Amino acid sequence: VTAAAWIHGRCRGRNFTRADFRQTYEYLINSGLNFQAAQFDPNITNEERPAVEEEARKFYEANYPTVNYRGFVGFNDVNSTSLEPRNEAEFYFPIHYMEPVVGNEPAIDLDYHASGSRKETVLACMNNGLPALTDRLVLVQETTKSAYGVVLMHPGFALSMGGDVWPRDLASIVIRIPDLLRRAAADTMNSMSVYMYDASEYSGGPPTFLGGADIVVNDDNSEGPTLDFLTELELQDLRHTDHKYKEDVVQAANKNWIIVVHAPEGSYQPEYIFVILGGVVIFIASALLAYWVHVNSTRMDAFNTMRAQAESERAALILDNARKATKAEREL
């Protein structure tokens, strides 16, 4: 029994509960990272879908009674503008585990494999075995007009022990660009304007605006700088302004992001913001790596426990057989 449980759990790699996932989320946020949501997106077949949806339905009814759980949802084609019940498919990558739930309710069991940039990123992860970022998105849980976000997906790693199916499932972190800018600006000592663009989204096309903000540092700066978020502006138009200007490229997973800085006269230190933003991107990747280390560590602990139980059962069986054999010899 123990051996069968180990094989099943080890091959599927899903030996954790929602409570365990909550602990994983708290592990991440206590590291100081600010993100919209942490997610685990298992590869679910169409045959598994009814049972998976029923498990989620019971969980939300018991723990989040205000959630209107609709089962798997998604953008069923590239022209869809609103979430709808997910069409039947051979398999799905739903956001089945997510923290925090409050504030992210529309994303519950959203199928990343449905269409568009989300699907392209899933396929990139599965085909290459490497983390990848989506193109610019209007997040389904976004409530601020003209605020964009991205999703960082990670397929995990091939383990040296082998024996499991890889890549199979995905971990993901949802990042709001305004929150990313706010974190990057937290330690800034000078007022400046910062813009972010994705230069890798469309081959041959202009870089895509991700977000921008005027960072205003007050005299005392006791509560940190204030941010006024900016409307969309083409990079080419920005390059033609008369302000002091500097841009640089930051590699974020599979994307090339262009960071542009404008600063007023006498306070031009743009390199600082590049260092901060670069550090934030690295921190995000490190946090996701830490998440996978945590999950794999938990998995290995479970494996070692079950193996010890199996060895104990085997030893007890051998001892019992030995006693029976000794008893039989005495009776003869």
C-alpha atoms as a PDB file:
ATOM      1  CA  VAL A   1       0.000   0.000   0.000  1.00  0.00           C
ATOM      2  CA  THR A   2       2.747   2.425   0.950  1.00  0.00           C
ATOM      3  CA  ALA A   3       4.769   1.640  -2.183  1.00  0.00           C
ATOM      4  CA  ALA A   4       1.721   2.162  -4.409  1.00  0.00           C
ATOM      5  CA  ALA A   5       0.983   5.491  -2.714  1.00  0.00           C
ATOM      6  CA  TRP A   6       4.602   6.597  -3.228  1.00  0.00           C
ATOM      7  CA  ILE A   7       4.579   5.678  -6.958  1.00  0.00           C
ATOM      8  CA  HIS A   8       1.281   7.474  -7.521  1.00  0.00           C
ATOM      9  CA  GLY A   9       2.289  10.594  -5.612  1.00  0.00           C
ATOM     10  CA  ARG A  10       5.806  10.677  -7.022  1.00  0.00           C
ATOM     11  CA  CYS A  11       4.722  10.367 -10.665  1.00  0.00           C
ATOM     12  CA  ARG A  12       1.875  12.848 -10.424  1.00  0.00           C
ATOM     13  CA  GLY A  13       3.818  15.284  -8.264  1.00  0.00           C
ATOM     14  CA  ARG A  14       0.694  16.688  -6.611  1.00  0.00           C
ATOM     15  CA  ASN A  15       1.044  15.519  -3.032  1.00  0.00           C
ATOM     16  CA  PHE A  16       0.024  18.741  -1.319  1.00  0.00           C
ATOM     17  CA  THR A  17      -3.185  20.219   0.035  1.00  0.00           C
ATOM     18  CA  ARG A  18      -4.699  23.673  -0.270  1.00  0.00           C
ATOM     19  CA  ALA A  19      -3.485  24.340   3.259  1.00  0.00           C
ATOM     20  CA  ASP A  20       0.034  23.435   2.135  1.00  0.00           C
ATOM     21  CA  PHE A  21      -0.299  25.836  -0.774  1.00  0.00           C
ATOM     22  CA  ARG A  22      -1.426  28.594   1.566  1.00  0.00           C
ATOM     23  CA  GLN A  23       1.733  28.003   3.609  1.00  0.00           C
ATOM     24  CA  THR A  24       3.787  28.210   0.411  1.00  0.00           C
ATOM     25  CA  TYR A  25       2.186  31.566  -0.390  1.00  0.00           C
ATOM     26  CA  GLU A  26       2.966  32.880   3.079  1.00  0.00           C
ATOM     27  CA  TYR A  27       6.529  31.655   2.643  1.00  0.00           C
ATOM     28  CA  LEU A  28       6.799  33.845  -0.458  1.00  0.00           C
ATOM     29  CA  ILE A  29       5.197  37.019   0.866  1.00  0.00           C
ATOM     30  CA  ASN A  30       7.271  36.877   4.032  1.00  0.00           C
ATOM     31  CA  SER A  31      10.315  37.182   1.783  1.00  0.00           C
ATOM     32  CA  GLY A  32       9.120  40.726   1.044  1.00  0.00           C
ATOM     33  CA  LEU A  33       7.973  40.199  -2.542  1.00  0.00           C
ATOM     34  CA  ASN A  34       4.888  42.120  -3.651  1.00  0.00           C
ATOM     35  CA  PHE A  35       2.855  40.360  -6.329  1.00  0.00           C
ATOM     36  CA  GLN A  36      -0.775  39.979  -7.314  1.00  0.00           C
ATOM     37  CA  ALA A  37      -1.093  36.217  -6.914  1.00  0.00           C
ATOM     38  CA  ALA A  38       0.829  32.964  -6.545  1.00  0.00           C
ATOM     39  CA  GLN A  39      -0.647  30.076  -8.511  1.00  0.00           C
ATOM     40  CA  PHE A  40      -0.248  26.393  -9.306  1.00  0.00           C
ATOM     41  CA  ASP A  41      -1.687  25.286 -12.643  1.00  0.00           C
ATOM     42  CA  PRO A  42      -1.899  21.497 -12.997  1.00  0.00           C
ATOM     43  CA  ASN A  43      -2.274  19.810 -16.354  1.00  0.00           C
ATOM     44  CA  ILE A  44      -5.829  18.416 -16.157  1.00  0.00           C
ATOM     45  CA  THR A  45      -7.286  16.040 -18.735  1.00  0.00           C
ATOM     46  CA  ASN A  46     -10.886  16.279 -19.877  1.00  0.00           C
ATOM     47  CA  GLU A  47     -11.616  13.032 -18.021  1.00  0.00           C
ATOM     48  CA  GLU A  48     -10.291  14.547 -14.788  1.00  0.00           C
ATOM     49  CA  ARG A  49     -12.155  17.823 -15.183  1.00  0.00           C
ATOM     50  CA  PRO A  50     -15.494  16.925 -13.459  1.00  0.00           C
ATOM     51  CA  ALA A  51     -13.783  15.638 -10.307  1.00  0.00           C
ATOM     52  CA  VAL A  52     -11.385  18.592 -10.167  1.00  0.00           C
ATOM     53  CA  GLU A  53     -14.228  21.085 -10.556  1.00  0.00           C
ATOM     54  CA  GLU A  54     -16.265  19.316  -7.877  1.00  0.00           C
ATOM     55  CA  GLU A  55     -13.328  19.473  -5.428  1.00  0.00           C
ATOM     56  CA  ALA A  56     -12.972  23.196  -6.052  1.00  0.00           C
ATOM     57  CA  ARG A  57     -16.704  23.801  -5.755  1.00  0.00           C
ATOM     58  CA  LYS A  58     -16.815  22.170  -2.316  1.00  0.00           C
ATOM     59  CA  PHE A  59     -13.706  24.051  -1.181  1.00  0.00           C
ATOM     60  CA  TYR A  60     -15.052  27.478  -2.114  1.00  0.00           C
ATOM     61  CA  GLU A  61     -18.510  26.766  -0.726  1.00  0.00           C
ATOM     62  CA  ALA A  62     -16.953  25.833   2.617  1.00  0.00           C
ATOM     63  CA  ASN A  63     -14.254  28.497   2.814  1.00  0.00           C
ATOM     64  CA  TYR A  64     -15.293  31.378   0.516  1.00  0.00           C
ATOM     65  CA  PRO A  65     -19.117  31.285   0.330  1.00  0.00           C
ATOM     66  CA  THR A  66     -19.262  34.603  -1.575  1.00  0.00           C
ATOM     67  CA  VAL A  67     -17.284  33.127  -4.497  1.00  0.00           C
ATOM     68  CA  ASN A  68     -19.478  32.277  -7.484  1.00  0.00           C
ATOM     69  CA  TYR A  69     -17.552  29.256  -8.674  1.00  0.00           C
ATOM     70  CA  ARG A  70     -18.297  28.517 -12.344  1.00  0.00           C
ATOM     71  CA  GLY A  71     -15.937  25.639 -13.026  1.00  0.00           C
ATOM     72  CA  PHE A  72     -13.176  25.987 -15.591  1.00  0.00           C
ATOM     73  CA  VAL A  73     -13.363  29.320 -17.411  1.00  0.00           C
ATOM     74  CA  GLY A  74     -11.322  30.980 -20.126  1.00  0.00           C
ATOM     75  CA  PHE A  75     -11.115  33.044 -23.275  1.00  0.00           C
ATOM     76  CA  ASN A  76     -12.235  30.353 -25.687  1.00  0.00           C
ATOM     77  CA  ASP A  77     -10.748  32.088 -28.737  1.00  0.00           C
ATOM     78  CA  VAL A  78      -8.393  34.972 -29.432  1.00  0.00           C
ATOM     79  CA  ASN A  79     -11.316  37.326 -30.110  1.00  0.00           C
ATOM     80  CA  SER A  80     -13.043  36.658 -26.765  1.00  0.00           C
ATOM     81  CA  THR A  81     -13.376  39.764 -24.617  1.00  0.00           C
ATOM     82  CA  SER A  82     -14.852  38.208 -21.473  1.00  0.00           C
ATOM     83  CA  LEU A  83     -14.498  35.026 -19.478  1.00  0.00           C
ATOM     84  CA  GLU A  84     -16.907  32.218 -20.265  1.00  0.00           C
ATOM     85  CA  PRO A  85     -17.259  28.563 -19.305  1.00  0.00           C
ATOM     86  CA  ARG A  86     -14.338  26.733 -20.859  1.00  0.00           C
ATOM     87  CA  ASN A  87     -15.104  24.757 -23.984  1.00  0.00           C
ATOM     88  CA  GLU A  88     -14.380  21.054 -23.877  1.00  0.00           C
ATOM     89  CA  ALA A  89     -10.740  20.327 -24.706  1.00  0.00           C
ATOM     90  CA  GLU A  90      -8.334  17.418 -24.516  1.00  0.00           C
ATOM     91  CA  PHE A  91      -6.551  19.007 -21.544  1.00  0.00           C
ATOM     92  CA  TYR A  92      -6.388  22.257 -19.546  1.00  0.00           C
ATOM     93  CA  PHE A  93      -4.013  24.296 -17.377  1.00  0.00           C
ATOM     94  CA  PRO A  94      -6.459  25.878 -14.889  1.00  0.00           C
ATOM     95  CA  ILE A  95      -5.403  28.134 -12.017  1.00  0.00           C
ATOM     96  CA  HIS A  96      -6.594  25.523  -9.552  1.00  0.00           C
ATOM     97  CA  TYR A  97      -4.533  26.681  -6.581  1.00  0.00           C
ATOM     98  CA  MET A  98      -4.207  30.420  -5.947  1.00  0.00           C
ATOM     99  CA  GLU A  99      -3.384  32.739  -3.082  1.00  0.00           C
ATOM    100  CA  PRO A 100      -4.646  35.146  -2.083  1.00  0.00           C
ATOM    101  CA  VAL A 101      -8.168  34.230  -3.149  1.00  0.00           C
ATOM    102  CA  VAL A 102      -9.721  37.522  -2.082  1.00  0.00           C
ATOM    103  CA  GLY A 103      -9.173  40.077  -4.825  1.00  0.00           C
ATOM    104  CA  ASN A 104      -8.407  37.420  -7.425  1.00  0.00           C
ATOM    105  CA  GLU A 105     -11.773  35.660  -7.607  1.00  0.00           C
ATOM    106  CA  PRO A 106     -12.259  36.117 -11.398  1.00  0.00           C
ATOM    107  CA  ALA A 107      -9.072  34.134 -12.035  1.00  0.00           C
ATOM    108  CA  ILE A 108     -10.195  30.996 -10.179  1.00  0.00           C
ATOM    109  CA  ASP A 109      -9.755  27.987 -12.505  1.00  0.00           C
ATOM    110  CA  LEU A 110      -8.949  30.254 -15.474  1.00  0.00           C
ATOM    111  CA  ASP A 111      -7.478  27.971 -18.141  1.00  0.00           C
ATOM    112  CA  TYR A 112      -4.136  29.366 -19.270  1.00  0.00           C
ATOM    113  CA  HIS A 113      -4.173  26.985 -22.238  1.00  0.00           C
ATOM    114  CA  ALA A 114      -7.359  28.418 -23.747  1.00  0.00           C
ATOM    115  CA  SER A 115      -6.021  31.013 -26.209  1.00  0.00           C
ATOM    116  CA  GLY A 116      -3.840  34.037 -26.850  1.00  0.00           C
ATOM    117  CA  SER A 117      -0.654  35.027 -25.060  1.00  0.00           C
ATOM    118  CA  ARG A 118      -1.437  32.861 -22.051  1.00  0.00           C
ATOM    119  CA  LYS A 119      -1.599  29.736 -24.222  1.00  0.00           C
ATOM    120  CA  GLU A 120       1.564  30.717 -26.119  1.00  0.00           C
ATOM    121  CA  THR A 121       3.426  31.064 -22.828  1.00  0.00           C
ATOM    122  CA  VAL A 122       2.191  27.681 -21.582  1.00  0.00           C
ATOM    123  CA  LEU A 123       3.442  26.077 -24.795  1.00  0.00           C
ATOM    124  CA  ALA A 124       6.794  27.891 -24.536  1.00  0.00           C
ATOM    125  CA  CYS A 125       7.293  26.534 -21.013  1.00  0.00           C
ATOM    126  CA  MET A 126       6.303  23.000 -21.938  1.00  0.00           C
ATOM    127  CA  ASN A 127       8.312  22.900 -25.162  1.00  0.00           C
ATOM    128  CA  ASN A 128      11.472  24.509 -23.787  1.00  0.00           C
ATOM    129  CA  GLY A 129      11.362  23.503 -20.147  1.00  0.00           C
ATOM    130  CA  LEU A 130      12.147  27.097 -19.155  1.00  0.00           C
ATOM    131  CA  PRO A 131      10.243  29.909 -17.406  1.00  0.00           C
ATOM    132  CA  ALA A 132       8.465  32.420 -19.623  1.00  0.00           C
ATOM    133  CA  LEU A 133       6.515  35.657 -19.346  1.00  0.00           C
ATOM    134  CA  THR A 134       3.261  36.431 -21.119  1.00  0.00           C
ATOM    135  CA  ASP A 135       2.837  39.468 -23.306  1.00  0.00           C
ATOM    136  CA  ARG A 136       1.144  42.488 -21.768  1.00  0.00           C
ATOM    137  CA  LEU A 137      -2.250  41.563 -20.345  1.00  0.00           C
ATOM    138  CA  VAL A 138      -5.290  43.255 -18.884  1.00  0.00           C
ATOM    139  CA  LEU A 139      -5.589  40.951 -15.890  1.00  0.00           C
ATOM    140  CA  VAL A 140      -9.041  39.464 -15.333  1.00  0.00           C
ATOM    141  CA  GLN A 141      -8.914  40.633 -11.701  1.00  0.00           C
ATOM    142  CA  GLU A 142      -7.763  44.181 -12.554  1.00  0.00           C
ATOM    143  CA  THR A 143      -9.971  47.004 -11.295  1.00  0.00           C
ATOM    144  CA  THR A 144      -7.875  50.015 -12.348  1.00  0.00           C
ATOM    145  CA  LYS A 145      -8.372  51.421 -15.824  1.00  0.00           C
ATOM    146  CA  SER A 146      -5.376  51.148 -18.167  1.00  0.00           C
ATOM    147  CA  ALA A 147      -3.297  49.112 -15.703  1.00  0.00           C
ATOM    148  CA  TYR A 148      -1.476  46.154 -17.234  1.00  0.00           C
ATOM    149  CA  GLY A 149       0.128  43.021 -15.896  1.00  0.00           C
ATOM    150  CA  VAL A 150       2.092  39.954 -16.910  1.00  0.00           C
ATOM    151  CA  VAL A 151       2.215  36.338 -15.757  1.00  0.00           C
ATOM    152  CA  LEU A 152       5.495  34.556 -15.100  1.00  0.00           C
ATOM    153  CA  MET A 153       5.088  30.797 -15.649  1.00  0.00           C
ATOM    154  CA  HIS A 154       7.581  28.147 -14.583  1.00  0.00           C
ATOM    155  CA  PRO A 155       7.586  24.437 -15.543  1.00  0.00           C
ATOM    156  CA  GLY A 156       9.872  23.391 -12.695  1.00  0.00           C
ATOM    157  CA  PHE A 157      12.987  21.289 -13.253  1.00  0.00           C
ATOM    158  CA  ALA A 158      13.964  17.838 -14.434  1.00  0.00           C
ATOM    159  CA  LEU A 159      15.002  15.962 -11.287  1.00  0.00           C
ATOM    160  CA  SER A 160      18.125  13.815 -11.335  1.00  0.00           C
ATOM    161  CA  MET A 161      16.235  10.906  -9.786  1.00  0.00           C
ATOM    162  CA  GLY A 162      13.900  10.745 -12.800  1.00  0.00           C
ATOM    163  CA  GLY A 163      10.761   8.614 -12.722  1.00  0.00           C
ATOM    164  CA  ASP A 164       8.288  11.462 -13.007  1.00  0.00           C
ATOM    165  CA  VAL A 165       6.621  13.123 -15.984  1.00  0.00           C
ATOM    166  CA  TRP A 166       8.336  16.440 -16.770  1.00  0.00           C
ATOM    167  CA  PRO A 167       7.412  19.032 -17.779  1.00  0.00           C
ATOM    168  CA  ARG A 168       3.826  18.569 -16.740  1.00  0.00           C
ATOM    169  CA  ASP A 169       2.413  21.215 -14.392  1.00  0.00           C
ATOM    170  CA  LEU A 170       3.139  24.925 -14.084  1.00  0.00           C
ATOM    171  CA  ALA A 171       3.712  27.369 -11.252  1.00  0.00           C
ATOM    172  CA  SER A 172       2.906  31.005 -11.958  1.00  0.00           C
ATOM    173  CA  ILE A 173       3.168  34.438 -10.384  1.00  0.00           C
ATOM    174  CA  VAL A 174       0.949  37.330 -11.483  1.00  0.00           C
ATOM    175  CA  ILE A 175       2.667  40.725 -11.591  1.00  0.00           C
ATOM    176  CA  ARG A 176       0.882  44.070 -11.876  1.00  0.00           C
ATOM    177  CA  ILE A 177       3.146  46.580 -13.597  1.00  0.00           C
ATOM    178  CA  PRO A 178       2.038  49.438 -11.277  1.00  0.00           C
ATOM    179  CA  ASP A 179       3.065  47.311  -8.274  1.00  0.00           C
ATOM    180  CA  LEU A 180       6.383  46.507  -9.928  1.00  0.00           C
ATOM    181  CA  LEU A 181       7.062  50.210 -10.479  1.00  0.00           C
ATOM    182  CA  ARG A 182       6.029  51.018  -6.930  1.00  0.00           C
ATOM    183  CA  ARG A 183       8.439  48.451  -5.514  1.00  0.00           C
ATOM    184  CA  ALA A 184      11.265  49.650  -7.772  1.00  0.00           C
ATOM    185  CA  ALA A 185      10.701  53.249  -6.662  1.00  0.00           C
ATOM    186  CA  ALA A 186      10.598  52.495  -2.944  1.00  0.00           C
ATOM    187  CA  ASP A 187      14.273  53.330  -2.331  1.00  0.00           C
ATOM    188  CA  THR A 188      14.650  56.022  -4.981  1.00  0.00           C
ATOM    189  CA  MET A 189      16.162  59.246  -3.688  1.00  0.00           C
ATOM    190  CA  ASN A 190      15.497  61.415  -6.760  1.00  0.00           C
ATOM    191  CA  SER A 191      12.366  62.450  -8.617  1.00  0.00           C
ATOM    192  CA  MET A 192      12.106  61.025 -12.129  1.00  0.00           C
ATOM    193  CA  SER A 193       9.744  59.583 -14.720  1.00  0.00           C
ATOM    194  CA  VAL A 194      10.023  55.899 -15.575  1.00  0.00           C
ATOM    195  CA  TYR A 195       8.515  54.039 -18.521  1.00  0.00           C
ATOM    196  CA  MET A 196       8.550  50.307 -19.282  1.00  0.00           C
ATOM    197  CA  TYR A 197       8.197  48.684 -22.711  1.00  0.00           C
ATOM    198  CA  ASP A 198       8.240  45.120 -23.992  1.00  0.00           C
ATOM    199  CA  ALA A 199      10.554  45.043 -27.011  1.00  0.00           C
ATOM    200  CA  SER A 200      10.015  41.333 -27.677  1.00  0.00           C
ATOM    201  CA  GLU A 201       6.260  41.081 -28.022  1.00  0.00           C
ATOM    202  CA  TYR A 202       5.853  41.659 -31.746  1.00  0.00           C
ATOM    203  CA  SER A 203       8.561  40.820 -34.237  1.00  0.00           C
ATOM    204  CA  GLY A 204       9.392  43.926 -36.247  1.00  0.00           C
ATOM    205  CA  GLY A 205       6.751  46.053 -34.524  1.00  0.00           C
ATOM    206  CA  PRO A 206       7.189  48.937 -32.076  1.00  0.00           C
ATOM    207  CA  PRO A 207       7.846  48.099 -28.403  1.00  0.00           C
ATOM    208  CA  THR A 208       4.676  47.675 -26.394  1.00  0.00           C
ATOM    209  CA  PHE A 209       3.949  50.030 -23.506  1.00  0.00           C
ATOM    210  CA  LEU A 210       3.789  48.189 -20.168  1.00  0.00           C
ATOM    211  CA  GLY A 211       3.480  51.082 -17.754  1.00  0.00           C
ATOM    212  CA  GLY A 212       4.942  54.351 -16.547  1.00  0.00           C
ATOM    213  CA  ALA A 213       5.009  56.613 -13.530  1.00  0.00           C
ATOM    214  CA  ASP A 214       6.159  60.007 -12.337  1.00  0.00           C
ATOM    215  CA  ILE A 215       8.126  59.304  -9.174  1.00  0.00           C
ATOM    216  CA  VAL A 216       8.041  62.315  -6.876  1.00  0.00           C
ATOM    217  CA  VAL A 217      10.412  62.409  -3.910  1.00  0.00           C
ATOM    218  CA  ASN A 218       9.272  64.807  -1.193  1.00  0.00           C
ATOM    219  CA  ASP A 219      11.668  66.846   0.925  1.00  0.00           C
ATOM    220  CA  ASP A 220      11.455  64.643   3.999  1.00  0.00           C
ATOM    221  CA  ASN A 221      10.711  61.416   2.042  1.00  0.00           C
ATOM    222  CA  SER A 222       9.619  59.885   5.333  1.00  0.00           C
ATOM    223  CA  GLU A 223       6.883  57.852   3.726  1.00  0.00           C
ATOM    224  CA  GLY A 224       8.728  57.164   0.512  1.00  0.00           C
ATOM    225  CA  PRO A 225       8.110  58.679  -2.917  1.00  0.00           C
ATOM    226  CA  THR A 226       4.649  59.193  -4.389  1.00  0.00           C
ATOM    227  CA  LEU A 227       3.788  57.763  -7.805  1.00  0.00           C
ATOM    228  CA  ASP A 228       1.519  59.252 -10.442  1.00  0.00           C
ATOM    229  CA  PHE A 229       0.890  56.616 -13.082  1.00  0.00           C
ATOM    230  CA  LEU A 230       1.139  57.763 -16.677  1.00  0.00           C
ATOM    231  CA  THR A 231      -0.999  57.154 -19.746  1.00  0.00           C
ATOM    232  CA  GLU A 232       0.254  55.103 -22.663  1.00  0.00           C
ATOM    233  CA  LEU A 233       2.934  56.695 -24.828  1.00  0.00           C
ATOM    234  CA  GLU A 234       4.811  55.311 -27.833  1.00  0.00           C
ATOM    235  CA  LEU A 235       8.515  54.797 -27.216  1.00  0.00           C
ATOM    236  CA  GLN A 236       9.375  56.631 -30.426  1.00  0.00           C
ATOM    237  CA  ASP A 237       7.472  59.707 -29.220  1.00  0.00           C
ATOM    238  CA  LEU A 238       9.269  59.521 -25.901  1.00  0.00           C
ATOM    239  CA  ARG A 239      12.643  59.490 -27.623  1.00  0.00           C
ATOM    240  CA  HIS A 240      11.839  62.800 -29.323  1.00  0.00           C
ATOM    241  CA  THR A 241      11.225  64.734 -26.104  1.00  0.00           C
ATOM    242  CA  ASP A 242      13.580  67.436 -24.858  1.00  0.00           C
ATOM    243  CA  HIS A 243      13.965  65.952 -21.379  1.00  0.00           C
ATOM    244  CA  LYS A 244      17.150  64.312 -20.225  1.00  0.00           C
ATOM    245  CA  TYR A 245      16.716  60.765 -21.327  1.00  0.00           C
ATOM    246  CA  LYS A 246      18.271  57.348 -20.880  1.00  0.00           C
ATOM    247  CA  GLU A 247      17.091  53.863 -21.744  1.00  0.00           C
ATOM    248  CA  ASP A 248      18.392  50.371 -21.109  1.00  0.00           C
ATOM    249  CA  VAL A 249      17.295  46.780 -21.705  1.00  0.00           C
ATOM    250  CA  VAL A 250      16.520  44.368 -18.872  1.00  0.00           C
ATOM    251  CA  GLN A 251      16.130  40.691 -19.718  1.00  0.00           C
ATOM    252  CA  ALA A 252      13.158  39.210 -17.878  1.00  0.00           C
ATOM    253  CA  ALA A 253      12.831  35.462 -18.530  1.00  0.00           C
ATOM    254  CA  ASN A 254      12.174  35.204 -22.287  1.00  0.00           C
ATOM    255  CA  LYS A 255      11.396  38.916 -22.689  1.00  0.00           C
ATOM    256  CA  ASN A 256      13.453  42.021 -23.338  1.00  0.00           C
ATOM    257  CA  TRP A 257      12.049  44.960 -21.409  1.00  0.00           C
ATOM    258  CA  ILE A 258      13.158  48.495 -22.203  1.00  0.00           C
ATOM    259  CA  ILE A 259      13.363  50.796 -19.178  1.00  0.00           C
ATOM    260  CA  VAL A 260      13.296  54.524 -19.937  1.00  0.00           C
ATOM    261  CA  VAL A 261      14.151  57.213 -17.401  1.00  0.00           C
ATOM    262  CA  HIS A 262      13.555  60.972 -17.556  1.00  0.00           C
ATOM    263  CA  ALA A 263      14.930  63.068 -14.728  1.00  0.00           C
ATOM    264  CA  PRO A 264      14.800  66.785 -13.946  1.00  0.00           C
ATOM    265  CA  GLU A 265      17.902  68.949 -14.142  1.00  0.00           C
ATOM    266  CA  GLY A 266      20.374  68.368 -11.326  1.00  0.00           C
ATOM    267  CA  SER A 267      19.057  64.967 -10.236  1.00  0.00           C
ATOM    268  CA  TYR A 268      19.897  62.755 -13.168  1.00  0.00           C
ATOM    269  CA  GLN A 269      20.877  59.368 -11.799  1.00  0.00           C
ATOM    270  CA  PRO A 270      19.014  56.938 -14.070  1.00  0.00           C
ATOM    271  CA  GLU A 271      21.370  54.029 -13.491  1.00  0.00           C
ATOM    272  CA  TYR A 272      19.857  53.657 -10.026  1.00  0.00           C
ATOM    273  CA  ILE A 273      16.427  52.768 -11.330  1.00  0.00           C
ATOM    274  CA  PHE A 274      17.917  50.198 -13.732  1.00  0.00           C
ATOM    275  CA  VAL A 275      19.650  48.511 -10.826  1.00  0.00           C
ATOM    276  CA  ILE A 276      16.414  48.464  -8.820  1.00  0.00           C
ATOM    277  CA  LEU A 277      14.240  47.146 -11.643  1.00  0.00           C
ATOM    278  CA  GLY A 278      16.848  44.551 -12.562  1.00  0.00           C
ATOM    279  CA  GLY A 279      16.949  43.481  -8.943  1.00  0.00           C
ATOM    280  CA  VAL A 280      13.165  43.203  -8.809  1.00  0.00           C
ATOM    281  CA  VAL A 281      13.112  40.937 -11.874  1.00  0.00           C
ATOM    282  CA  ILE A 282      15.846  38.743 -10.387  1.00  0.00           C
ATOM    283  CA  PHE A 283      13.968  38.693  -7.079  1.00  0.00           C
ATOM    284  CA  ILE A 284      10.822  37.488  -8.815  1.00  0.00           C
ATOM    285  CA  ALA A 285      12.719  34.672 -10.516  1.00  0.00           C
ATOM    286  CA  SER A 286      14.453  33.775  -7.238  1.00  0.00           C
ATOM    287  CA  ALA A 287      11.141  33.693  -5.377  1.00  0.00           C
ATOM    288  CA  LEU A 288       9.648  31.359  -7.958  1.00  0.00           C
ATOM    289  CA  LEU A 289      12.744  29.173  -7.706  1.00  0.00           C
ATOM    290  CA  ALA A 290      12.341  29.183  -3.924  1.00  0.00           C
ATOM    291  CA  TYR A 291       8.725  28.114  -4.389  1.00  0.00           C
ATOM    292  CA  TRP A 292       9.776  25.103  -6.455  1.00  0.00           C
ATOM    293  CA  VAL A 293      12.508  24.198  -3.998  1.00  0.00           C
ATOM    294  CA  HIS A 294       9.897  24.335  -1.244  1.00  0.00           C
ATOM    295  CA  VAL A 295       7.443  22.125  -3.162  1.00  0.00           C
ATOM    296  CA  ASN A 296      10.112  19.628  -4.193  1.00  0.00           C
ATOM    297  CA  SER A 297      11.487  19.545  -0.656  1.00  0.00           C
ATOM    298  CA  THR A 298       8.004  18.802   0.666  1.00  0.00           C
ATOM    299  CA  ARG A 299       7.613  16.108  -1.972  1.00  0.00           C
ATOM    300  CA  MET A 300      10.937  14.508  -1.037  1.00  0.00           C
ATOM    301  CA  ASP A 301      10.053  14.618   2.654  1.00  0.00           C
ATOM    302  CA  ALA A 302       6.821  12.771   1.865  1.00  0.00           C
ATOM    303  CA  PHE A 303       8.747  10.266  -0.251  1.00  0.00           C
ATOM    304  CA  ASN A 304      11.290   9.615   2.505  1.00  0.00           C
ATOM    305  CA  THR A 305       8.516   9.174   5.047  1.00  0.00           C
ATOM    306  CA  MET A 306       6.665   6.668   2.857  1.00  0.00           C
ATOM    307  CA  ARG A 307       9.889   4.806   2.055  1.00  0.00           C
ATOM    308  CA  ALA A 308      10.665   4.548   5.758  1.00  0.00           C
ATOM    309  CA  GLN A 309       7.140   3.240   6.359  1.00  0.00           C
ATOM    310  CA  ALA A 310       7.570   0.686   3.581  1.00  0.00           C
ATOM    311  CA  GLU A 311      10.876  -0.517   5.027  1.00  0.00           C
ATOM    312  CA  SER A 312       9.306  -0.716   8.470  1.00  0.00           C
ATOM    313  CA  GLU A 313       6.380  -2.753   7.119  1.00  0.00           C
ATOM    314  CA  ARG A 314       8.787  -5.047   5.279  1.00  0.00           C
ATOM    315  CA  ALA A 315      10.925  -5.546   8.386  1.00  0.00           C
ATOM    316  CA  ALA A 316       7.818  -6.281  10.463  1.00  0.00           C
ATOM    317  CA  LEU A 317       6.623  -8.797   7.854  1.00  0.00           C
ATOM    318  CA  ILE A 318      10.007 -10.566   7.806  1.00  0.00           C
ATOM    319  CA  LEU A 319      10.055 -10.692  11.592  1.00  0.00           C
ATOM    320  CA  ASP A 320       6.505 -12.046  11.712  1.00  0.00           C
ATOM    321  CA  ASN A 321       7.329 -14.737   9.135  1.00  0.00           C
ATOM    322  CA  ALA A 322      10.441 -15.678  11.096  1.00  0.00           C
ATOM    323  CA  ARG A 323       8.402 -16.049  14.281  1.00  0.00           C
ATOM    324  CA  LYS A 324       5.842 -18.208  12.493  1.00  0.00           C
ATOM    325  CA  ALA A 325       8.578 -20.387  11.046  1.00  0.00           C
ATOM    326  CA  THR A 326      10.238 -20.798  14.461  1.00  0.00           C
ATOM    327  CA  LYS A 327       6.894 -21.702  16.015  1.00  0.00           C
ATOM    328  CA  ALA A 328       6.219 -24.268  13.290  1.00  0.00           C
ATOM    329  CA  GLU A 329       9.657 -25.896  13.818  1.00  0.00           C
ATOM    330  CA  ARG A 330       9.037 -26.152  17.580  1.00  0.00           C
ATOM    331  CA  GLU A 331       5.670 -27.802  16.992  1.00  0.00           C
ATOM    332  CA  LEU A 332       7.369 -30.386  14.750  1.00  0.00           C
END
